[in-house]
Amino acid sequence: MKVGKRQSAAGIAVAALLSVAACGSDDNSDEPTTPASGSASAGAASAIDCATGSISGGGSSAQKNAMDEWIKAYQDACSGTTVAYASSSSGTGRQSFIDKQVDFAGSDSAIKDDQKTAAAARCTGGEVVDIPMVVGPIAVVYNVSGVDDLKLSPGTVAKIFSGAITKWNDPAIKADNGSASLPDTTIASVHRSDASGTTDNFTKFLAGAGGSDWTFANGSDWKAPGGQGSKGSDGIASTVKATPGAIGYVELSYAENSGLSTAQLKNAAGEFTEVSTDGASKGVSTATAKDGNDLVLTFDYKTAVPGAYPAYLVSYEIVCTKGLDATKGALVKSFLTYTASEAGQASISDLGYAPLPSTVATKVKGVVATLG
């Protein structure tokens, strides 16, 4: 499928859904975002209980477009208040949080076990928690002449990116595509060269849905041999676009902006599904969160949900429940209360972001309410 127009998060979900979203990648600029003032909608303004002062966040650029919208609406409603977000990478965001350079971090992966002690040290009287806030589909993009409607099962995707399948007319790809004409072209797989939450989420999909066809651990760093590394999702998109026979993985917005073809992926219900925000929300509807305030999600790629798109990314806000000074703590709580609200989620629903299940959204609101 050739992608050229952003698909909005709307429609039917498996459970009642709250709109939360994500697009972008885990790379790009380190410059802080403080969007210019404009007129916030009445709905957004009425949902905001303003706090004063200034706070800064940083990390995953998967959150950048959402943060741009949220910050603009918040600052429009709360004159004199400043919220900044520096788009860089998940790893940079986590380290900046540990180093007390930001008041909250955006990360496409939960804070690592070996970082928790250092992170918790700044949370005097509280704890460090991961709060899922944005979700979006990961598109498998390709550049194969004459192939416009590629279908791939998770096992086939795993074999391609592990190097077990090297030709586009391999029997496994043929089996997924029926009578489609596939060329005898060498596959050029492209992965992230930098540490990336997108890679972490994509390899979770390969491990969870691909089964024994993926024998490598998931993680922010690419672990399979072979293939070509490119920095950032923009780098993958550019490389795939310029390389005949290439295949890679990027967030939906990068596929759209580059005009790249995207593969339909087979879900646990046995359906080949096109990449979409609605499909991603149905896919993540089977995720479960830990008990307590640290809402790290565990994904379930085996449960059959009709219409679910199986490759998706979840991005977190990493915060202290307590430990910031009173003014900053109040502003972090106020800002995240807005981003988790129905009005906040609705404001980004047309930016290529996918809804979270209502059960997770309810937990998110509950944890945000404890911040101080």
Protein backbone atom coordinates (compact mmCIF):
# COMPACT_ATOMS: atom_id res chain seq x y z
CA MET A 1 0.00 0.00 0.00
CA LYS A 2 1.29 3.46 -0.86
CA VAL A 3 0.87 5.80 2.08
CA GLY A 4 0.25 9.47 1.38
CA LYS A 5 -2.40 10.74 3.74
CA ARG A 6 -2.40 10.62 7.54
CA GLN A 7 -5.03 8.33 9.00
CA SER A 8 -6.77 9.75 12.05
CA ALA A 9 -7.51 7.85 15.24
CA ALA A 10 -11.22 7.27 15.09
CA GLY A 11 -13.75 4.53 14.77
CA ILE A 12 -14.56 1.37 16.66
CA ALA A 13 -12.19 -0.12 19.22
CA VAL A 14 -12.33 -3.42 21.04
CA ALA A 15 -12.88 -1.71 24.37
CA ALA A 16 -13.88 1.84 25.17
CA LEU A 17 -10.84 3.84 24.18
CA LEU A 18 -9.25 7.05 25.27
CA SER A 19 -7.38 8.92 22.56
CA VAL A 20 -3.65 8.98 23.18
CA ALA A 21 -1.09 9.08 20.40
CA ALA A 22 2.40 9.01 18.94
CA CYS A 23 4.28 9.75 15.78
CA GLY A 24 7.84 10.67 14.91
CA SER A 25 10.89 8.65 15.87
CA ASP A 26 13.48 8.25 18.54
CA ASP A 27 16.01 10.67 17.11
CA ASN A 28 16.44 14.17 15.67
CA SER A 29 17.02 17.59 17.20
CA ASP A 30 18.04 18.36 20.76
CA GLU A 31 16.42 21.80 20.58
CA PRO A 32 13.67 22.40 23.15
CA THR A 33 10.15 22.89 21.87
CA THR A 34 8.22 25.91 23.13
CA PRO A 35 5.55 26.40 20.48
CA ALA A 36 4.38 29.87 19.58
CA SER A 37 1.21 31.03 21.22
CA GLY A 38 -2.06 30.67 19.37
CA SER A 39 -5.73 30.28 20.20
CA ALA A 40 -6.48 27.12 22.15
CA SER A 41 -9.84 25.51 21.60
CA ALA A 42 -12.52 26.13 24.19
CA GLY A 43 -12.53 22.41 24.98
CA ALA A 44 -8.79 22.33 25.64
CA ALA A 45 -8.85 25.50 27.73
CA SER A 46 -11.74 24.27 29.86
CA ALA A 47 -9.85 21.03 30.57
CA ILE A 48 -6.79 22.81 31.93
CA ASP A 49 -6.40 23.69 35.61
CA CYS A 50 -3.42 25.99 35.26
CA ALA A 51 -0.32 25.93 37.42
CA THR A 52 2.46 28.51 37.31
CA GLY A 53 6.20 28.51 36.70
CA SER A 54 8.28 26.61 34.17
CA ILE A 55 9.22 22.98 33.57
CA SER A 56 11.25 21.16 30.96
CA GLY A 57 11.04 17.67 29.51
CA GLY A 58 13.01 15.84 26.88
CA GLY A 59 13.69 12.57 25.14
CA SER A 60 11.80 10.56 22.56
CA SER A 61 10.86 12.46 19.43
CA ALA A 62 8.04 9.95 18.98
CA GLN A 63 6.25 12.34 21.29
CA LYS A 64 7.31 15.55 19.58
CA ASN A 65 4.16 16.29 17.56
CA ALA A 66 1.95 15.46 20.52
CA MET A 67 4.07 17.61 22.82
CA ASP A 68 3.97 20.50 20.35
CA GLU A 69 0.17 20.42 20.40
CA TRP A 70 -0.17 19.90 24.14
CA ILE A 71 2.37 22.60 25.04
CA LYS A 72 0.73 25.11 22.71
CA ALA A 73 -2.73 24.49 24.19
CA TYR A 74 -1.43 24.61 27.76
CA GLN A 75 0.54 27.81 27.31
CA ASP A 76 -2.36 29.46 25.48
CA ALA A 77 -4.61 28.71 28.43
CA CYS A 78 -2.03 29.49 31.14
CA SER A 79 -0.46 32.86 30.43
CA GLY A 80 3.08 33.24 31.72
CA THR A 81 3.63 29.51 32.20
CA THR A 82 6.42 27.79 30.25
CA VAL A 83 6.62 24.12 29.29
CA ALA A 84 9.57 23.08 27.10
CA TYR A 85 10.34 19.72 25.47
CA ALA A 86 13.70 18.85 23.86
CA SER A 87 13.30 16.19 21.17
CA SER A 88 16.34 13.90 21.10
CA SER A 89 16.16 10.18 21.91
CA SER A 90 14.70 7.93 24.56
CA GLY A 91 18.12 7.13 25.98
CA THR A 92 19.06 10.79 26.14
CA GLY A 93 15.79 11.60 27.86
CA ARG A 94 16.26 8.92 30.51
CA GLN A 95 19.82 10.04 31.25
CA SER A 96 18.81 13.69 31.35
CA PHE A 97 16.15 12.80 33.91
CA ILE A 98 18.69 10.94 36.04
CA ASP A 99 21.07 13.91 35.79
CA LYS A 100 18.31 16.34 36.89
CA GLN A 101 18.50 18.22 33.61
CA VAL A 102 14.78 17.78 32.90
CA ASP A 103 11.70 17.55 35.10
CA PHE A 104 10.17 14.70 33.11
CA ALA A 105 11.48 12.42 30.38
CA GLY A 106 9.83 11.02 27.28
CA SER A 107 10.91 7.48 26.43
CA ASP A 108 9.69 4.80 24.05
CA SER A 109 10.99 2.23 26.54
CA ALA A 110 10.41 2.08 30.28
CA ILE A 111 13.35 3.16 32.38
CA LYS A 112 15.93 0.38 32.53
CA ASP A 113 16.44 -1.71 35.66
CA ASP A 114 20.06 -0.59 35.94
CA GLN A 115 18.94 3.07 35.87
CA LYS A 116 16.15 2.88 38.44
CA THR A 117 18.30 3.39 41.54
CA ALA A 118 19.95 6.49 40.09
CA ALA A 119 16.63 7.84 38.84
CA ALA A 120 14.87 7.18 42.14
CA ALA A 121 17.57 9.09 44.00
CA ARG A 122 16.08 12.36 42.77
CA CYS A 123 12.55 11.36 43.85
CA THR A 124 12.84 12.25 47.55
CA GLY A 125 9.77 10.97 49.39
CA GLY A 126 8.38 9.37 46.23
CA GLU A 127 9.24 6.96 43.43
CA VAL A 128 10.17 7.09 39.76
CA VAL A 129 7.33 5.89 37.53
CA ASP A 130 6.69 5.19 33.85
CA ILE A 131 3.37 6.56 32.59
CA PRO A 132 2.27 5.43 29.09
CA MET A 133 0.96 8.47 27.24
CA VAL A 134 1.36 8.00 23.48
CA VAL A 135 0.95 5.08 21.07
CA GLY A 136 1.39 4.70 17.33
CA PRO A 137 1.79 2.05 14.65
CA ILE A 138 5.20 1.03 13.31
CA ALA A 139 5.09 0.71 9.53
CA VAL A 140 7.14 -1.85 7.60
CA VAL A 141 8.20 0.16 4.55
CA TYR A 142 9.65 -1.25 1.33
CA ASN A 143 10.90 -0.32 -2.12
CA VAL A 144 10.24 -3.16 -4.57
CA SER A 145 9.44 -2.30 -8.17
CA GLY A 146 6.07 -3.62 -9.31
CA VAL A 147 4.94 -4.70 -5.83
CA ASP A 148 2.19 -2.43 -4.51
CA ASP A 149 0.27 -4.64 -2.10
CA LEU A 150 2.84 -6.61 -0.11
CA LYS A 151 1.60 -8.92 2.64
CA LEU A 152 3.88 -10.33 5.32
CA SER A 153 3.31 -12.66 8.25
CA PRO A 154 5.32 -11.94 11.43
CA GLY A 155 7.49 -15.02 10.87
CA THR A 156 8.36 -13.84 7.37
CA VAL A 157 9.24 -10.37 8.67
CA ALA A 158 11.44 -11.96 11.33
CA LYS A 159 13.25 -14.08 8.74
CA ILE A 160 13.81 -11.06 6.50
CA PHE A 161 15.33 -8.92 9.26
CA SER A 162 17.37 -11.81 10.67
CA GLY A 163 18.86 -12.51 7.23
CA ALA A 164 17.27 -15.96 6.82
CA ILE A 165 15.36 -14.70 3.75
CA THR A 166 17.48 -12.88 1.19
CA LYS A 167 15.38 -12.71 -2.01
CA TRP A 168 12.03 -11.08 -2.65
CA ASN A 169 10.75 -14.16 -4.49
CA ASP A 170 11.52 -16.45 -1.53
CA PRO A 171 8.87 -19.17 -1.06
CA ALA A 172 7.86 -17.77 2.33
CA ILE A 173 7.09 -14.34 0.84
CA LYS A 174 5.29 -16.02 -2.05
CA ALA A 175 3.17 -17.99 0.42
CA ASP A 176 2.04 -14.74 2.06
CA ASN A 177 1.21 -13.11 -1.28
CA GLY A 178 -0.61 -15.75 -3.30
CA SER A 179 -0.31 -15.16 -7.04
CA ALA A 180 1.55 -11.83 -6.76
CA SER A 181 4.55 -11.42 -9.06
CA LEU A 182 7.67 -11.06 -6.94
CA PRO A 183 11.07 -10.23 -8.46
CA ASP A 184 14.29 -12.15 -8.04
CA THR A 185 15.78 -9.13 -6.26
CA THR A 186 18.11 -9.22 -3.28
CA ILE A 187 16.55 -7.88 -0.09
CA ALA A 188 18.33 -4.93 1.54
CA SER A 189 17.08 -4.75 5.13
CA VAL A 190 17.58 -1.46 6.94
CA HIS A 191 17.58 -0.99 10.72
CA ARG A 192 18.36 1.80 13.17
CA SER A 193 22.06 2.37 13.80
CA ASP A 194 21.37 4.42 16.93
CA ALA A 195 19.82 3.24 20.19
CA SER A 196 16.10 3.53 19.64
CA GLY A 197 12.83 2.90 21.41
CA THR A 198 11.37 2.25 17.98
CA THR A 199 13.80 -0.64 17.57
CA ASP A 200 12.93 -1.88 21.06
CA ASN A 201 9.22 -1.94 20.22
CA PHE A 202 9.74 -3.41 16.75
CA THR A 203 11.92 -6.24 18.08
CA LYS A 204 9.32 -6.91 20.77
CA PHE A 205 6.89 -7.48 17.91
CA LEU A 206 9.36 -9.76 16.11
CA ALA A 207 9.98 -11.78 19.27
CA GLY A 208 6.36 -11.86 20.41
CA ALA A 209 4.66 -12.50 17.07
CA GLY A 210 7.48 -14.11 15.08
CA GLY A 211 8.13 -16.84 17.60
CA SER A 212 11.02 -19.17 16.79
CA ASP A 213 11.73 -17.27 13.56
CA TRP A 214 13.27 -14.47 15.66
CA THR A 215 16.07 -15.71 17.91
CA PHE A 216 17.48 -12.37 19.04
CA ALA A 217 16.63 -10.37 22.15
CA ASN A 218 14.60 -7.22 21.90
CA GLY A 219 16.21 -3.96 22.92
CA SER A 220 17.03 -0.39 21.93
CA ASP A 221 20.16 -1.51 20.06
CA TRP A 222 19.79 -3.69 16.94
CA LYS A 223 21.13 -7.15 17.73
CA ALA A 224 20.68 -9.21 14.54
CA PRO A 225 23.62 -9.55 12.14
CA GLY A 226 23.70 -8.12 8.64
CA GLY A 227 21.52 -5.46 7.14
CA GLN A 228 22.32 -1.76 6.87
CA GLY A 229 22.13 0.68 9.76
CA SER A 230 20.74 4.19 9.32
CA LYS A 231 20.45 6.87 11.98
CA GLY A 232 16.94 7.83 12.96
CA SER A 233 13.65 6.96 11.36
CA ASP A 234 14.26 9.72 8.84
CA GLY A 235 17.51 7.94 7.92
CA ILE A 236 15.73 4.61 7.45
CA ALA A 237 13.02 6.25 5.33
CA SER A 238 15.62 7.98 3.13
CA THR A 239 17.68 4.81 2.73
CA VAL A 240 14.68 2.66 1.82
CA LYS A 241 13.43 5.27 -0.64
CA ALA A 242 16.83 5.43 -2.35
CA THR A 243 17.58 1.67 -2.37
CA PRO A 244 15.81 -0.74 -4.76
CA GLY A 245 14.86 -3.92 -2.90
CA ALA A 246 15.03 -2.26 0.52
CA ILE A 247 12.81 -2.84 3.54
CA GLY A 248 12.80 -1.08 6.92
CA TYR A 249 10.63 -0.02 9.85
CA VAL A 250 9.53 3.51 10.78
CA GLU A 251 6.70 5.26 12.57
CA LEU A 252 3.64 5.87 10.41
CA SER A 253 4.31 9.58 9.94
CA TYR A 254 7.69 8.86 8.32
CA ALA A 255 6.10 6.42 5.89
CA GLU A 256 3.46 9.00 5.03
CA ASN A 257 5.85 11.90 4.65
CA SER A 258 8.21 9.86 2.46
CA GLY A 259 5.45 8.39 0.27
CA LEU A 260 6.80 4.89 0.92
CA SER A 261 4.84 1.70 0.35
CA THR A 262 3.84 -0.15 3.53
CA ALA A 263 3.29 -3.86 4.02
CA GLN A 264 0.14 -5.39 5.41
CA LEU A 265 1.02 -7.45 8.48
CA LYS A 266 -0.75 -10.62 9.58
CA ASN A 267 -2.24 -10.46 13.06
CA ALA A 268 -3.05 -13.19 15.56
CA ALA A 269 -6.58 -13.40 14.15
CA GLY A 270 -5.07 -14.52 10.82
CA GLU A 271 -5.88 -11.28 8.99
CA PHE A 272 -3.51 -9.21 6.89
CA THR A 273 -4.04 -5.66 8.18
CA GLU A 274 -2.93 -2.32 6.77
CA VAL A 275 -0.99 0.02 9.03
CA SER A 276 -3.38 2.41 10.76
CA THR A 277 -3.91 4.19 14.04
CA ASP A 278 -7.19 2.35 14.64
CA GLY A 279 -5.47 -0.98 14.03
CA ALA A 280 -2.65 -0.11 16.42
CA SER A 281 -5.10 0.83 19.17
CA LYS A 282 -6.81 -2.53 18.76
CA GLY A 283 -3.44 -4.26 18.88
CA VAL A 284 -2.37 -2.58 22.10
CA SER A 285 -5.79 -3.23 23.67
CA THR A 286 -4.46 -6.60 24.86
CA ALA A 287 -1.57 -5.00 26.77
CA THR A 288 -1.54 -5.22 30.56
CA ALA A 289 -0.05 -2.80 33.08
CA LYS A 290 1.69 -3.70 36.31
CA ASP A 291 -0.11 -3.06 39.57
CA GLY A 292 0.95 0.08 41.40
CA ASN A 293 2.05 3.42 40.07
CA ASP A 294 4.75 2.23 37.65
CA LEU A 295 2.60 1.51 34.58
CA VAL A 296 5.01 -0.50 32.43
CA LEU A 297 2.97 -2.29 29.76
CA THR A 298 3.40 -5.92 28.75
CA PHE A 299 2.31 -6.60 25.18
CA ASP A 300 0.37 -9.65 24.06
CA TYR A 301 0.93 -10.49 20.39
CA LYS A 302 -0.85 -13.86 20.55
CA THR A 303 -4.41 -12.86 21.43
CA ALA A 304 -6.66 -12.68 18.36
CA VAL A 305 -8.33 -9.28 18.02
CA PRO A 306 -10.10 -8.69 14.67
CA GLY A 307 -8.70 -5.67 12.85
CA ALA A 308 -5.65 -5.36 15.12
CA TYR A 309 -2.41 -4.11 13.56
CA PRO A 310 0.33 -6.02 15.38
CA ALA A 311 3.37 -3.68 15.25
CA TYR A 312 3.11 -0.62 17.48
CA LEU A 313 5.08 1.71 19.71
CA VAL A 314 4.22 2.88 23.23
CA SER A 315 5.94 5.94 24.65
CA TYR A 316 6.08 6.86 28.34
CA GLU A 317 6.47 9.95 30.51
CA ILE A 318 9.04 9.22 33.23
CA VAL A 319 8.40 11.30 36.36
CA CYS A 320 8.86 11.42 40.11
CA THR A 321 5.68 10.98 42.12
CA LYS A 322 7.35 13.32 44.62
CA GLY A 323 10.76 14.98 44.84
CA LEU A 324 10.53 18.07 42.66
CA ASP A 325 10.19 21.44 44.33
CA ALA A 326 6.59 22.37 45.02
CA THR A 327 6.14 24.73 42.07
CA LYS A 328 7.61 22.37 39.47
CA GLY A 329 5.79 19.37 40.94
CA ALA A 330 2.47 21.17 40.71
CA LEU A 331 3.11 22.19 37.09
CA VAL A 332 4.16 18.67 36.01
CA LYS A 333 0.97 17.33 37.60
CA SER A 334 -1.20 20.00 35.97
CA PHE A 335 0.35 19.53 32.52
CA LEU A 336 0.10 15.72 32.56
CA THR A 337 -3.44 15.94 33.91
CA TYR A 338 -4.28 17.85 30.74
CA THR A 339 -2.39 15.50 28.38
CA ALA A 340 -4.22 12.50 29.87
CA SER A 341 -7.63 14.18 29.72
CA GLU A 342 -10.21 13.50 27.04
CA ALA A 343 -9.70 17.00 25.66
CA GLY A 344 -5.93 16.55 25.61
CA GLN A 345 -6.16 13.23 23.82
CA ALA A 346 -8.75 14.54 21.36
CA SER A 347 -6.44 17.41 20.44
CA ILE A 348 -3.87 15.01 18.94
CA SER A 349 -6.20 12.40 17.48
CA ASP A 350 -5.66 13.66 13.92
CA LEU A 351 -1.86 13.64 14.08
CA GLY A 352 -1.35 9.96 13.39
CA TYR A 353 -1.64 8.85 17.01
CA ALA A 354 -3.45 5.75 18.24
CA PRO A 355 -5.80 5.44 21.24
CA LEU A 356 -4.91 3.55 24.40
CA PRO A 357 -7.45 1.18 25.96
CA SER A 358 -9.69 2.87 28.50
CA THR A 359 -8.47 0.53 31.26
CA VAL A 360 -4.90 1.82 30.80
CA ALA A 361 -6.06 5.42 30.43
CA THR A 362 -7.93 5.18 33.73
CA LYS A 363 -4.76 3.96 35.45
CA VAL A 364 -2.78 6.79 33.85
CA LYS A 365 -5.17 9.39 35.26
CA GLY A 366 -5.01 7.73 38.66
CA VAL A 367 -1.20 7.85 38.81
CA VAL A 368 -1.05 11.44 37.54
CA ALA A 369 -3.43 12.42 40.34
CA THR A 370 -0.84 11.20 42.89
CA LEU A 371 1.95 13.44 41.61
CA GLY A 372 3.09 16.20 43.89
